[in-house]
PDB file of N, CA and C in Angstrom:
ATOM      1  N   MET A   1      15.888   2.130  -7.166  1.00  0.00           N
ATOM      2  CA  MET A   1      15.794   2.323  -5.745  1.00  0.00           C
ATOM      3  C   MET A   1      15.473   0.989  -5.101  1.00  0.00           C
ATOM      4  N   SER A   2      16.170   0.660  -4.039  1.00  0.00           N
ATOM      5  CA  SER A   2      15.862  -0.571  -3.331  1.00  0.00           C
ATOM      6  C   SER A   2      15.210  -0.228  -2.005  1.00  0.00           C
ATOM      7  N   LEU A   3      14.320  -1.115  -1.561  1.00  0.00           N
ATOM      8  CA  LEU A   3      13.629  -0.916  -0.308  1.00  0.00           C
ATOM      9  C   LEU A   3      13.868  -2.107   0.589  1.00  0.00           C
ATOM     10  N   LYS A   4      14.070  -1.849   1.853  1.00  0.00           N
ATOM     11  CA  LYS A   4      14.128  -2.910   2.848  1.00  0.00           C
ATOM     12  C   LYS A   4      12.828  -2.817   3.620  1.00  0.00           C
ATOM     13  N   ILE A   5      12.067  -3.908   3.621  1.00  0.00           N
ATOM     14  CA  ILE A   5      10.751  -3.878   4.242  1.00  0.00           C
ATOM     15  C   ILE A   5      10.702  -4.916   5.352  1.00  0.00           C
ATOM     16  N   THR A   6      10.272  -4.474   6.535  1.00  0.00           N
ATOM     17  CA  THR A   6      10.036  -5.380   7.649  1.00  0.00           C
ATOM     18  C   THR A   6       8.621  -5.131   8.136  1.00  0.00           C
ATOM     19  N   SER A   7       7.975  -6.180   8.622  1.00  0.00           N
ATOM     20  CA  SER A   7       6.596  -5.977   9.065  1.00  0.00           C
ATOM     21  C   SER A   7       6.336  -6.667  10.381  1.00  0.00           C
ATOM     22  N   ARG A   8       5.300  -6.202  11.065  1.00  0.00           N
ATOM     23  CA  ARG A   8       4.836  -6.838  12.283  1.00  0.00           C
ATOM     24  C   ARG A   8       3.341  -6.569  12.389  1.00  0.00           C
ATOM     25  N   LEU A   9       2.637  -7.492  12.987  1.00  0.00           N
ATOM     26  CA  LEU A   9       1.200  -7.317  13.157  1.00  0.00           C
ATOM     27  C   LEU A   9       0.946  -6.513  14.423  1.00  0.00           C
ATOM     28  N   VAL A  10      -0.048  -5.645  14.348  1.00  0.00           N
ATOM     29  CA  VAL A  10      -0.372  -4.787  15.478  1.00  0.00           C
ATOM     30  C   VAL A  10      -1.853  -4.909  15.771  1.00  0.00           C
ATOM     31  N   GLY A  11      -2.210  -5.674  16.784  1.00  0.00           N
ATOM     32  CA  GLY A  11      -3.585  -5.789  17.267  1.00  0.00           C
ATOM     33  C   GLY A  11      -4.627  -5.853  16.180  1.00  0.00           C
ATOM     34  N   LEU A  12      -5.754  -5.238  16.425  1.00  0.00           N
ATOM     35  CA  LEU A  12      -6.853  -5.241  15.475  1.00  0.00           C
ATOM     36  C   LEU A  12      -6.709  -4.175  14.404  1.00  0.00           C
ATOM     37  N   THR A  13      -5.758  -3.269  14.565  1.00  0.00           N
ATOM     38  CA  THR A  13      -5.622  -2.191  13.593  1.00  0.00           C
ATOM     39  C   THR A  13      -4.949  -2.661  12.324  1.00  0.00           C
ATOM     40  N   GLY A  14      -4.301  -3.807  12.343  1.00  0.00           N
ATOM     41  CA  GLY A  14      -3.704  -4.316  11.122  1.00  0.00           C
ATOM     42  C   GLY A  14      -2.202  -4.302  11.170  1.00  0.00           C
ATOM     43  N   ARG A  15      -1.621  -4.311  10.025  1.00  0.00           N
ATOM     44  CA  ARG A  15      -0.186  -4.478   9.854  1.00  0.00           C
ATOM     45  C   ARG A  15       0.515  -3.126   9.833  1.00  0.00           C
ATOM     46  N   VAL A  16       1.694  -3.132  10.404  1.00  0.00           N
ATOM     47  CA  VAL A  16       2.578  -1.976  10.311  1.00  0.00           C
ATOM     48  C   VAL A  16       3.831  -2.457   9.596  1.00  0.00           C
ATOM     49  N   VAL A  17       4.206  -1.764   8.536  1.00  0.00           N
ATOM     50  CA  VAL A  17       5.374  -2.140   7.752  1.00  0.00           C
ATOM     51  C   VAL A  17       6.358  -0.994   7.781  1.00  0.00           C
ATOM     52  N   SER A  18       7.573  -1.258   8.236  1.00  0.00           N
ATOM     53  CA  SER A  18       8.621  -0.241   8.248  1.00  0.00           C
ATOM     54  C   SER A  18       9.474  -0.407   7.008  1.00  0.00           C
ATOM     55  N   CYS A  19       9.766   0.690   6.333  1.00  0.00           N
ATOM     56  CA  CYS A  19      10.522   0.647   5.087  1.00  0.00           C
ATOM     57  C   CYS A  19      11.692   1.616   5.156  1.00  0.00           C
ATOM     58  N   HIS A  20      12.782   1.216   4.523  1.00  0.00           N
ATOM     59  CA  HIS A  20      13.974   2.054   4.429  1.00  0.00           C
ATOM     60  C   HIS A  20      14.384   2.090   2.966  1.00  0.00           C
ATOM     61  N   THR A  21      14.558   3.280   2.415  1.00  0.00           N
ATOM     62  CA  THR A  21      15.020   3.382   1.039  1.00  0.00           C
ATOM     63  C   THR A  21      16.536   3.295   1.007  1.00  0.00           C
ATOM     64  N   SER A  22      17.073   3.040  -0.160  1.00  0.00           N
ATOM     65  CA  SER A  22      18.527   2.937  -0.292  1.00  0.00           C
ATOM     66  C   SER A  22      19.217   4.263   0.017  1.00  0.00           C
ATOM     67  N   SER A  23      18.481   5.366  -0.089  1.00  0.00           N
ATOM     68  CA  SER A  23      19.062   6.667   0.221  1.00  0.00           C
ATOM     69  C   SER A  23      18.976   7.001   1.709  1.00  0.00           C
ATOM     70  N   GLY A  24      18.473   6.047   2.517  1.00  0.00           N
ATOM     71  CA  GLY A  24      18.437   6.265   3.957  1.00  0.00           C
ATOM     72  C   GLY A  24      17.119   6.802   4.476  1.00  0.00           C
ATOM     73  N   GLY A  25      16.149   7.055   3.600  1.00  0.00           N
ATOM     74  CA  GLY A  25      14.850   7.541   4.053  1.00  0.00           C
ATOM     75  C   GLY A  25      14.102   6.467   4.824  1.00  0.00           C
ATOM     76  N   ARG A  26      13.278   6.889   5.767  1.00  0.00           N
ATOM     77  CA  ARG A  26      12.496   5.949   6.562  1.00  0.00           C
ATOM     78  C   ARG A  26      11.032   6.342   6.515  1.00  0.00           C
ATOM     79  N   PHE A  27      10.176   5.340   6.434  1.00  0.00           N
ATOM     80  CA  PHE A  27       8.755   5.590   6.552  1.00  0.00           C
ATOM     81  C   PHE A  27       8.057   4.319   6.993  1.00  0.00           C
ATOM     82  N   THR A  28       6.819   4.466   7.440  1.00  0.00           N
ATOM     83  CA  THR A  28       6.045   3.346   7.957  1.00  0.00           C
ATOM     84  C   THR A  28       4.707   3.278   7.251  1.00  0.00           C
ATOM     85  N   VAL A  29       4.325   2.072   6.805  1.00  0.00           N
ATOM     86  CA  VAL A  29       3.007   1.847   6.211  1.00  0.00           C
ATOM     87  C   VAL A  29       2.111   1.275   7.299  1.00  0.00           C
ATOM     88  N   LYS A  30       0.965   1.887   7.500  1.00  0.00           N
ATOM     89  CA  LYS A  30      -0.007   1.402   8.479  1.00  0.00           C
ATOM     90  C   LYS A  30      -1.294   1.021   7.767  1.00  0.00           C
ATOM     91  N   HIS A  31      -1.844  -0.127   8.144  1.00  0.00           N
ATOM     92  CA  HIS A  31      -3.125  -0.563   7.596  1.00  0.00           C
ATOM     93  C   HIS A  31      -4.201  -0.211   8.605  1.00  0.00           C
ATOM     94  N   ASP A  32      -5.037   0.734   8.238  1.00  0.00           N
ATOM     95  CA  ASP A  32      -6.149   1.186   9.075  1.00  0.00           C
ATOM     96  C   ASP A  32      -7.404   0.483   8.568  1.00  0.00           C
ATOM     97  N   ARG A  33      -7.714  -0.661   9.162  1.00  0.00           N
ATOM     98  CA  ARG A  33      -8.853  -1.469   8.699  1.00  0.00           C
ATOM     99  C   ARG A  33     -10.180  -0.751   8.908  1.00  0.00           C
ATOM    100  N   GLN A  34     -10.320  -0.018   9.994  1.00  0.00           N
ATOM    101  CA  GLN A  34     -11.571   0.667  10.285  1.00  0.00           C
ATOM    102  C   GLN A  34     -11.905   1.691   9.203  1.00  0.00           C
ATOM    103  N   ASN A  35     -10.903   2.448   8.764  1.00  0.00           N
ATOM    104  CA  ASN A  35     -11.119   3.467   7.728  1.00  0.00           C
ATOM    105  C   ASN A  35     -10.782   2.964   6.334  1.00  0.00           C
ATOM    106  N   GLN A  36     -10.463   1.685   6.210  1.00  0.00           N
ATOM    107  CA  GLN A  36     -10.190   1.014   4.944  1.00  0.00           C
ATOM    108  C   GLN A  36      -9.168   1.777   4.100  1.00  0.00           C
ATOM    109  N   ARG A  37      -7.958   1.859   4.659  1.00  0.00           N
ATOM    110  CA  ARG A  37      -6.887   2.542   3.947  1.00  0.00           C
ATOM    111  C   ARG A  37      -5.526   2.101   4.476  1.00  0.00           C
ATOM    112  N   PHE A  38      -4.531   2.298   3.631  1.00  0.00           N
ATOM    113  CA  PHE A  38      -3.132   2.140   4.000  1.00  0.00           C
ATOM    114  C   PHE A  38      -2.545   3.533   3.987  1.00  0.00           C
ATOM    115  N   THR A  39      -1.735   3.871   4.986  1.00  0.00           N
ATOM    116  CA  THR A  39      -1.148   5.204   5.048  1.00  0.00           C
ATOM    117  C   THR A  39       0.354   5.124   5.271  1.00  0.00           C
ATOM    118  N   VAL A  40       1.043   6.160   4.811  1.00  0.00           N
ATOM    119  CA  VAL A  40       2.478   6.315   5.035  1.00  0.00           C
ATOM    120  C   VAL A  40       2.715   7.713   5.565  1.00  0.00           C
ATOM    121  N   THR A  41       3.483   7.781   6.650  1.00  0.00           N
ATOM    122  CA  THR A  41       3.996   9.061   7.135  1.00  0.00           C
ATOM    123  C   THR A  41       5.502   8.897   7.279  1.00  0.00           C
ATOM    124  N   THR A  42       6.231   9.948   7.034  1.00  0.00           N
ATOM    125  CA  THR A  42       7.680   9.874   7.188  1.00  0.00           C
ATOM    126  C   THR A  42       8.034  10.142   8.634  1.00  0.00           C
ATOM    127  N   GLY A  43       9.250   9.786   8.993  1.00  0.00           N
ATOM    128  CA  GLY A  43       9.698   9.932  10.374  1.00  0.00           C
ATOM    129  C   GLY A  43       9.837  11.368  10.818  1.00  0.00           C
ATOM    130  N   SER A  44      10.380  12.235   9.961  1.00  0.00           N
ATOM    131  CA  SER A  44      10.613  13.613  10.373  1.00  0.00           C
ATOM    132  C   SER A  44      10.939  14.455   9.157  1.00  0.00           C
ATOM    133  N   GLY A  45      11.189  15.710   9.403  1.00  0.00           N
ATOM    134  CA  GLY A  45      11.596  16.613   8.332  1.00  0.00           C
ATOM    135  C   GLY A  45      10.421  17.224   7.604  1.00  0.00           C
ATOM    136  N   ALA A  46      10.712  17.783   6.425  1.00  0.00           N
ATOM    137  CA  ALA A  46       9.677  18.442   5.631  1.00  0.00           C
ATOM    138  C   ALA A  46       8.575  17.453   5.305  1.00  0.00           C
ATOM    139  N   GLY A  47       7.353  17.871   5.486  1.00  0.00           N
ATOM    140  CA  GLY A  47       6.223  17.018   5.164  1.00  0.00           C
ATOM    141  C   GLY A  47       5.911  15.980   6.223  1.00  0.00           C
ATOM    142  N   ALA A  48       6.473  16.115   7.430  1.00  0.00           N
ATOM    143  CA  ALA A  48       6.263  15.104   8.469  1.00  0.00           C
ATOM    144  C   ALA A  48       4.796  14.980   8.848  1.00  0.00           C
ATOM    145  N   ASN A  49       4.031  16.037   8.664  1.00  0.00           N
ATOM    146  CA  ASN A  49       2.610  15.985   8.993  1.00  0.00           C
ATOM    147  C   ASN A  49       1.762  15.528   7.811  1.00  0.00           C
ATOM    148  N   GLU A  50       2.383  15.311   6.657  1.00  0.00           N
ATOM    149  CA  GLU A  50       1.655  14.858   5.484  1.00  0.00           C
ATOM    150  C   GLU A  50       1.548  13.348   5.492  1.00  0.00           C
ATOM    151  N   CYS A  51       0.586  12.864   4.716  1.00  0.00           N
ATOM    152  CA  CYS A  51       0.315  11.438   4.714  1.00  0.00           C
ATOM    153  C   CYS A  51       0.001  10.988   3.292  1.00  0.00           C
ATOM    154  N   ALA A  52       0.628   9.895   2.865  1.00  0.00           N
ATOM    155  CA  ALA A  52       0.277   9.250   1.598  1.00  0.00           C
ATOM    156  C   ALA A  52      -0.759   8.185   1.918  1.00  0.00           C
ATOM    157  N   VAL A  53      -1.748   8.014   1.032  1.00  0.00           N
ATOM    158  CA  VAL A  53      -2.882   7.147   1.336  1.00  0.00           C
ATOM    159  C   VAL A  53      -3.256   6.291   0.131  1.00  0.00           C
ATOM    160  N   LEU A  54      -3.540   5.015   0.380  1.00  0.00           N
ATOM    161  CA  LEU A  54      -4.180   4.134  -0.590  1.00  0.00           C
ATOM    162  C   LEU A  54      -5.511   3.733   0.037  1.00  0.00           C
ATOM    163  N   SER A  55      -6.613   4.074  -0.632  1.00  0.00           N
ATOM    164  CA  SER A  55      -7.950   3.809  -0.100  1.00  0.00           C
ATOM    165  C   SER A  55      -8.597   2.626  -0.809  1.00  0.00           C
ATOM    166  N   TYR A  56      -9.350   1.856  -0.045  1.00  0.00           N
ATOM    167  CA  TYR A  56     -10.112   0.751  -0.615  1.00  0.00           C
ATOM    168  C   TYR A  56     -11.471   0.691   0.060  1.00  0.00           C
ATOM    169  N   LYS A  57     -12.378  -0.079  -0.517  1.00  0.00           N
ATOM    170  CA  LYS A  57     -13.668  -0.328   0.132  1.00  0.00           C
ATOM    171  C   LYS A  57     -14.100  -1.752  -0.188  1.00  0.00           C
ATOM    172  N   PHE A  58     -14.824  -2.351   0.733  1.00  0.00           N
ATOM    173  CA  PHE A  58     -15.394  -3.667   0.491  1.00  0.00           C
ATOM    174  C   PHE A  58     -16.620  -3.490  -0.384  1.00  0.00           C
ATOM    175  N   THR A  59     -16.719  -4.298  -1.438  1.00  0.00           N
ATOM    176  CA  THR A  59     -17.845  -4.209  -2.372  1.00  0.00           C
ATOM    177  C   THR A  59     -18.710  -5.462  -2.335  1.00  0.00           C
ATOM    178  N   GLY A  60     -18.286  -6.450  -1.589  1.00  0.00           N
ATOM    179  CA  GLY A  60     -19.017  -7.707  -1.452  1.00  0.00           C
ATOM    180  C   GLY A  60     -18.265  -8.590  -0.485  1.00  0.00           C
ATOM    181  N   GLN A  61     -18.772  -9.792  -0.312  1.00  0.00           N
ATOM    182  CA  GLN A  61     -18.088 -10.723   0.579  1.00  0.00           C
ATOM    183  C   GLN A  61     -16.774 -11.148  -0.058  1.00  0.00           C
ATOM    184  N   LYS A  62     -15.674 -10.928   0.656  1.00  0.00           N
ATOM    185  CA  LYS A  62     -14.324 -11.280   0.190  1.00  0.00           C
ATOM    186  C   LYS A  62     -13.944 -10.531  -1.088  1.00  0.00           C
ATOM    187  N   GLU A  63     -14.491  -9.332  -1.283  1.00  0.00           N
ATOM    188  CA  GLU A  63     -14.219  -8.547  -2.486  1.00  0.00           C
ATOM    189  C   GLU A  63     -14.029  -7.078  -2.116  1.00  0.00           C
ATOM    190  N   VAL A  64     -12.967  -6.470  -2.665  1.00  0.00           N
ATOM    191  CA  VAL A  64     -12.683  -5.061  -2.412  1.00  0.00           C
ATOM    192  C   VAL A  64     -12.444  -4.319  -3.726  1.00  0.00           C
ATOM    193  N   ASP A  65     -12.546  -3.011  -3.643  1.00  0.00           N
ATOM    194  CA  ASP A  65     -12.165  -2.130  -4.743  1.00  0.00           C
ATOM    195  C   ASP A  65     -10.996  -1.299  -4.236  1.00  0.00           C
ATOM    196  N   LEU A  66      -9.837  -1.440  -4.898  1.00  0.00           N
ATOM    197  CA  LEU A  66      -8.686  -0.597  -4.574  1.00  0.00           C
ATOM    198  C   LEU A  66      -8.893   0.695  -5.357  1.00  0.00           C
ATOM    199  N   MET A  67      -9.350   1.724  -4.661  1.00  0.00           N
ATOM    200  CA  MET A  67      -9.908   2.909  -5.306  1.00  0.00           C
ATOM    201  C   MET A  67      -8.898   3.959  -5.715  1.00  0.00           C
ATOM    202  N   SER A  68      -7.985   4.309  -4.820  1.00  0.00           N
ATOM    203  CA  SER A  68      -7.133   5.455  -5.145  1.00  0.00           C
ATOM    204  C   SER A  68      -5.863   5.469  -4.320  1.00  0.00           C
ATOM    205  N   THR A  69      -4.873   6.170  -4.851  1.00  0.00           N
ATOM    206  CA  THR A  69      -3.667   6.488  -4.091  1.00  0.00           C
ATOM    207  C   THR A  69      -3.460   7.989  -4.152  1.00  0.00           C
ATOM    208  N   PHE A  70      -2.958   8.531  -3.065  1.00  0.00           N
ATOM    209  CA  PHE A  70      -2.574   9.937  -3.027  1.00  0.00           C
ATOM    210  C   PHE A  70      -1.209  10.005  -2.366  1.00  0.00           C
ATOM    211  N   VAL A  71      -0.261  10.606  -3.068  1.00  0.00           N
ATOM    212  CA  VAL A  71       1.091  10.793  -2.528  1.00  0.00           C
ATOM    213  C   VAL A  71       1.415  12.286  -2.617  1.00  0.00           C
ATOM    214  N   PRO A  72       1.619  12.934  -1.457  1.00  0.00           N
ATOM    215  CA  PRO A  72       1.956  14.360  -1.471  1.00  0.00           C
ATOM    216  C   PRO A  72       3.240  14.622  -2.261  1.00  0.00           C
ATOM    217  N   GLU A  73       3.338  15.793  -2.801  1.00  0.00           N
ATOM    218  CA  GLU A  73       4.492  16.192  -3.613  1.00  0.00           C
ATOM    219  C   GLU A  73       5.820  15.933  -2.899  1.00  0.00           C
ATOM    220  N   THR A  74       5.873  16.200  -1.601  1.00  0.00           N
ATOM    221  CA  THR A  74       7.126  16.036  -0.853  1.00  0.00           C
ATOM    222  C   THR A  74       7.541  14.569  -0.719  1.00  0.00           C
ATOM    223  N   PHE A  75       6.622  13.625  -0.946  1.00  0.00           N
ATOM    224  CA  PHE A  75       6.910  12.195  -0.829  1.00  0.00           C
ATOM    225  C   PHE A  75       7.296  11.572  -2.169  1.00  0.00           C
ATOM    226  N   ARG A  76       7.013  12.251  -3.260  1.00  0.00           N
ATOM    227  CA  ARG A  76       7.165  11.645  -4.580  1.00  0.00           C
ATOM    228  C   ARG A  76       8.618  11.324  -4.896  1.00  0.00           C
ATOM    229  N   GLY A  77       8.800  10.249  -5.690  1.00  0.00           N
ATOM    230  CA  GLY A  77      10.129   9.832  -6.093  1.00  0.00           C
ATOM    231  C   GLY A  77      10.834   8.957  -5.062  1.00  0.00           C
ATOM    232  N   GLN A  78      10.143   8.564  -4.004  1.00  0.00           N
ATOM    233  CA  GLN A  78      10.736   7.745  -2.949  1.00  0.00           C
ATOM    234  C   GLN A  78      10.218   6.310  -2.962  1.00  0.00           C
ATOM    235  N   GLY A  79       9.359   5.972  -3.916  1.00  0.00           N
ATOM    236  CA  GLY A  79       8.820   4.618  -3.996  1.00  0.00           C
ATOM    237  C   GLY A  79       7.661   4.357  -3.053  1.00  0.00           C
ATOM    238  N   ILE A  80       7.082   5.409  -2.512  1.00  0.00           N
ATOM    239  CA  ILE A  80       6.022   5.242  -1.524  1.00  0.00           C
ATOM    240  C   ILE A  80       4.746   4.687  -2.142  1.00  0.00           C
ATOM    241  N   ALA A  81       4.368   5.127  -3.323  1.00  0.00           N
ATOM    242  CA  ALA A  81       3.159   4.590  -3.972  1.00  0.00           C
ATOM    243  C   ALA A  81       3.318   3.097  -4.241  1.00  0.00           C
ATOM    244  N   ALA A  82       4.515   2.675  -4.621  1.00  0.00           N
ATOM    245  CA  ALA A  82       4.765   1.243  -4.855  1.00  0.00           C
ATOM    246  C   ALA A  82       4.643   0.454  -3.558  1.00  0.00           C
ATOM    247  N   VAL A  83       5.134   1.002  -2.458  1.00  0.00           N
ATOM    248  CA  VAL A  83       5.044   0.306  -1.169  1.00  0.00           C
ATOM    249  C   VAL A  83       3.589   0.230  -0.709  1.00  0.00           C
ATOM    250  N   LEU A  84       2.814   1.282  -0.926  1.00  0.00           N
ATOM    251  CA  LEU A  84       1.385   1.235  -0.605  1.00  0.00           C
ATOM    252  C   LEU A  84       0.694   0.154  -1.428  1.00  0.00           C
ATOM    253  N   SER A  85       1.028   0.090  -2.727  1.00  0.00           N
ATOM    254  CA  SER A  85       0.439  -0.924  -3.605  1.00  0.00           C
ATOM    255  C   SER A  85       0.825  -2.323  -3.155  1.00  0.00           C
ATOM    256  N   GLN A  86       2.086  -2.511  -2.786  1.00  0.00           N
ATOM    257  CA  GLN A  86       2.555  -3.807  -2.298  1.00  0.00           C
ATOM    258  C   GLN A  86       1.803  -4.210  -1.037  1.00  0.00           C
ATOM    259  N   ALA A  87       1.604  -3.279  -0.130  1.00  0.00           N
ATOM    260  CA  ALA A  87       0.874  -3.571   1.102  1.00  0.00           C
ATOM    261  C   ALA A  87      -0.560  -3.988   0.802  1.00  0.00           C
ATOM    262  N   ALA A  88      -1.195  -3.303  -0.146  1.00  0.00           N
ATOM    263  CA  ALA A  88      -2.570  -3.658  -0.525  1.00  0.00           C
ATOM    264  C   ALA A  88      -2.628  -5.045  -1.148  1.00  0.00           C
ATOM    265  N   MET A  89      -1.664  -5.369  -2.002  1.00  0.00           N
ATOM    266  CA  MET A  89      -1.644  -6.681  -2.636  1.00  0.00           C
ATOM    267  C   MET A  89      -1.372  -7.774  -1.605  1.00  0.00           C
ATOM    268  N   ASP A  90      -0.482  -7.516  -0.662  1.00  0.00           N
ATOM    269  CA  ASP A  90      -0.232  -8.481   0.415  1.00  0.00           C
ATOM    270  C   ASP A  90      -1.503  -8.727   1.222  1.00  0.00           C
ATOM    271  N   PHE A  91      -2.275  -7.672   1.455  1.00  0.00           N
ATOM    272  CA  PHE A  91      -3.561  -7.772   2.154  1.00  0.00           C
ATOM    273  C   PHE A  91      -4.503  -8.703   1.398  1.00  0.00           C
ATOM    274  N   LEU A  92      -4.589  -8.544   0.073  1.00  0.00           N
ATOM    275  CA  LEU A  92      -5.449  -9.426  -0.732  1.00  0.00           C
ATOM    276  C   LEU A  92      -5.034 -10.881  -0.570  1.00  0.00           C
ATOM    277  N   VAL A  93      -3.744 -11.123  -0.673  1.00  0.00           N
ATOM    278  CA  VAL A  93      -3.227 -12.490  -0.591  1.00  0.00           C
ATOM    279  C   VAL A  93      -3.490 -13.086   0.797  1.00  0.00           C
ATOM    280  N   GLU A  94      -3.153 -12.337   1.840  1.00  0.00           N
ATOM    281  CA  GLU A  94      -3.296 -12.844   3.212  1.00  0.00           C
ATOM    282  C   GLU A  94      -4.742 -13.107   3.595  1.00  0.00           C
ATOM    283  N   GLU A  95      -5.652 -12.264   3.110  1.00  0.00           N
ATOM    284  CA  GLU A  95      -7.072 -12.398   3.454  1.00  0.00           C
ATOM    285  C   GLU A  95      -7.850 -13.192   2.401  1.00  0.00           C
ATOM    286  N   ASN A  96      -7.153 -13.635   1.348  1.00  0.00           N
ATOM    287  CA  ASN A  96      -7.772 -14.362   0.245  1.00  0.00           C
ATOM    288  C   ASN A  96      -8.958 -13.587  -0.337  1.00  0.00           C
ATOM    289  N   LEU A  97      -8.697 -12.334  -0.687  1.00  0.00           N
ATOM    290  CA  LEU A  97      -9.715 -11.448  -1.242  1.00  0.00           C
ATOM    291  C   LEU A  97      -9.536 -11.320  -2.745  1.00  0.00           C
ATOM    292  N   LYS A  98     -10.596 -10.957  -3.416  1.00  0.00           N
ATOM    293  CA  LYS A  98     -10.548 -10.586  -4.830  1.00  0.00           C
ATOM    294  C   LYS A  98     -10.701  -9.072  -4.890  1.00  0.00           C
ATOM    295  N   ALA A  99     -10.111  -8.452  -5.917  1.00  0.00           N
ATOM    296  CA  ALA A  99     -10.162  -6.987  -5.979  1.00  0.00           C
ATOM    297  C   ALA A  99     -10.474  -6.482  -7.376  1.00  0.00           C
ATOM    298  N   ARG A 100     -11.246  -5.443  -7.407  1.00  0.00           N
ATOM    299  CA  ARG A 100     -11.389  -4.604  -8.595  1.00  0.00           C
ATOM    300  C   ARG A 100     -10.388  -3.474  -8.389  1.00  0.00           C
ATOM    301  N   ILE A 101      -9.758  -3.050  -9.470  1.00  0.00           N
ATOM    302  CA  ILE A 101      -8.743  -2.002  -9.362  1.00  0.00           C
ATOM    303  C   ILE A 101      -9.245  -0.757 -10.088  1.00  0.00           C
ATOM    304  N   SER A 102      -9.590   0.266  -9.331  1.00  0.00           N
ATOM    305  CA  SER A 102     -10.035   1.531  -9.916  1.00  0.00           C
ATOM    306  C   SER A 102      -8.889   2.506 -10.096  1.00  0.00           C
ATOM    307  N   CYS A 103      -7.821   2.319  -9.361  1.00  0.00           N
ATOM    308  CA  CYS A 103      -6.688   3.246  -9.367  1.00  0.00           C
ATOM    309  C   CYS A 103      -5.703   2.892 -10.476  1.00  0.00           C
ATOM    310  N   TRP A 104      -5.369   3.843 -11.331  1.00  0.00           N
ATOM    311  CA  TRP A 104      -4.457   3.585 -12.451  1.00  0.00           C
ATOM    312  C   TRP A 104      -3.060   3.187 -11.953  1.00  0.00           C
ATOM    313  N   TYR A 105      -2.612   3.774 -10.848  1.00  0.00           N
ATOM    314  CA  TYR A 105      -1.261   3.456 -10.382  1.00  0.00           C
ATOM    315  C   TYR A 105      -1.168   2.001  -9.921  1.00  0.00           C
ATOM    316  N   ILE A 106      -2.173   1.536  -9.221  1.00  0.00           N
ATOM    317  CA  ILE A 106      -2.155   0.148  -8.751  1.00  0.00           C
ATOM    318  C   ILE A 106      -2.199  -0.801  -9.946  1.00  0.00           C
ATOM    319  N   LYS A 107      -2.979  -0.465 -10.971  1.00  0.00           N
ATOM    320  CA  LYS A 107      -3.003  -1.282 -12.202  1.00  0.00           C
ATOM    321  C   LYS A 107      -1.599  -1.351 -12.801  1.00  0.00           C
ATOM    322  N   LYS A 108      -0.940  -0.217 -12.881  1.00  0.00           N
ATOM    323  CA  LYS A 108       0.422  -0.152 -13.414  1.00  0.00           C
ATOM    324  C   LYS A 108       1.373  -0.993 -12.562  1.00  0.00           C
ATOM    325  N   TYR A 109       1.261  -0.889 -11.254  1.00  0.00           N
ATOM    326  CA  TYR A 109       2.116  -1.638 -10.339  1.00  0.00           C
ATOM    327  C   TYR A 109       1.960  -3.138 -10.581  1.00  0.00           C
ATOM    328  N   ILE A 110       0.738  -3.611 -10.697  1.00  0.00           N
ATOM    329  CA  ILE A 110       0.482  -5.041 -10.917  1.00  0.00           C
ATOM    330  C   ILE A 110       1.061  -5.487 -12.254  1.00  0.00           C
ATOM    331  N   ASP A 111       0.886  -4.679 -13.289  1.00  0.00           N
ATOM    332  CA  ASP A 111       1.433  -5.016 -14.605  1.00  0.00           C
ATOM    333  C   ASP A 111       2.953  -5.113 -14.583  1.00  0.00           C
ATOM    334  N   GLU A 112       3.595  -4.332 -13.721  1.00  0.00           N
ATOM    335  CA  GLU A 112       5.057  -4.312 -13.638  1.00  0.00           C
ATOM    336  C   GLU A 112       5.621  -5.369 -12.683  1.00  0.00           C
ATOM    337  N   GLN A 113       4.759  -6.208 -12.114  1.00  0.00           N
ATOM    338  CA  GLN A 113       5.191  -7.247 -11.172  1.00  0.00           C
ATOM    339  C   GLN A 113       4.843  -8.633 -11.712  1.00  0.00           C
ATOM    340  N   PRO A 114       5.358  -9.014 -12.883  1.00  0.00           N
ATOM    341  CA  PRO A 114       4.943 -10.288 -13.488  1.00  0.00           C
ATOM    342  C   PRO A 114       5.362 -11.514 -12.676  1.00  0.00           C
ATOM    343  N   GLN A 115       6.382 -11.397 -11.840  1.00  0.00           N
ATOM    344  CA  GLN A 115       6.830 -12.535 -11.047  1.00  0.00           C
ATOM    345  C   GLN A 115       5.852 -12.854  -9.911  1.00  0.00           C
ATOM    346  N   GLN A 116       5.034 -11.904  -9.552  1.00  0.00           N
ATOM    347  CA  GLN A 116       4.053 -12.122  -8.485  1.00  0.00           C
ATOM    348  C   GLN A 116       2.778 -12.739  -9.063  1.00  0.00           C
ATOM    349  N   GLN A 117       2.022 -13.417  -8.241  1.00  0.00           N
ATOM    350  CA  GLN A 117       0.785 -14.063  -8.664  1.00  0.00           C
ATOM    351  C   GLN A 117      -0.437 -13.206  -8.358  1.00  0.00           C
ATOM    352  N   TYR A 118      -0.284 -11.901  -8.432  1.00  0.00           N
ATOM    353  CA  TYR A 118      -1.372 -11.007  -8.071  1.00  0.00           C
ATOM    354  C   TYR A 118      -2.550 -11.105  -9.025  1.00  0.00           C
ATOM    355  N   LYS A 119      -2.314 -11.442 -10.246  1.00  0.00           N
ATOM    356  CA  LYS A 119      -3.393 -11.467 -11.236  1.00  0.00           C
ATOM    357  C   LYS A 119      -4.505 -12.443 -10.842  1.00  0.00           C
ATOM    358  N   ASP A 120      -4.173 -13.457 -10.035  1.00  0.00           N
ATOM    359  CA  ASP A 120      -5.181 -14.403  -9.563  1.00  0.00           C
ATOM    360  C   ASP A 120      -6.172 -13.754  -8.599  1.00  0.00           C
ATOM    361  N   PHE A 121      -5.812 -12.611  -8.058  1.00  0.00           N
ATOM    362  CA  PHE A 121      -6.654 -11.936  -7.078  1.00  0.00           C
ATOM    363  C   PHE A 121      -7.420 -10.757  -7.666  1.00  0.00           C
ATOM    364  N   ILE A 122      -7.259 -10.524  -8.970  1.00  0.00           N
ATOM    365  CA  ILE A 122      -7.859  -9.367  -9.622  1.00  0.00           C
ATOM    366  C   ILE A 122      -9.110  -9.765 -10.388  1.00  0.00           C
ATOM    367  N   ILE A 123     -10.165  -8.981 -10.232  1.00  0.00           N
ATOM    368  CA  ILE A 123     -11.405  -9.149 -10.973  1.00  0.00           C
ATOM    369  C   ILE A 123     -11.305  -8.239 -12.201  1.00  0.00           C
ATOM    370  N   SER A 124     -11.434  -8.811 -13.367  1.00  0.00           N
ATOM    371  CA  SER A 124     -11.318  -8.012 -14.610  1.00  0.00           C
ATOM    372  C   SER A 124     -12.566  -7.223 -14.883  1.00  0.00           C
TER     373      SER A 124
END
């Protein structure tokens, strides 16, 4: 599956990333800094009121714990968990943060991205 990702910054609430799957699906990743999470909602159709979430918390100065991802059944198989993970990793890089990874999916995502320099931002 290929994804086309475009992003723009939105005020103090953080980044909004619009994504399109190769099958024509559309969704938007929003970074909610106040509630320390990244969320995805689809544009319309079944599950339009559902939300996929990647949660994190600050554990120290310039340090976060990427705690969990939740992807509703209706969203699965569309690459949404990977896009949430990518958004979280981009956040680490842009803010120069270090992260502990509690979520197994995010650990898997990082392991599968050897071309990226994410390992420099991970606390073992």
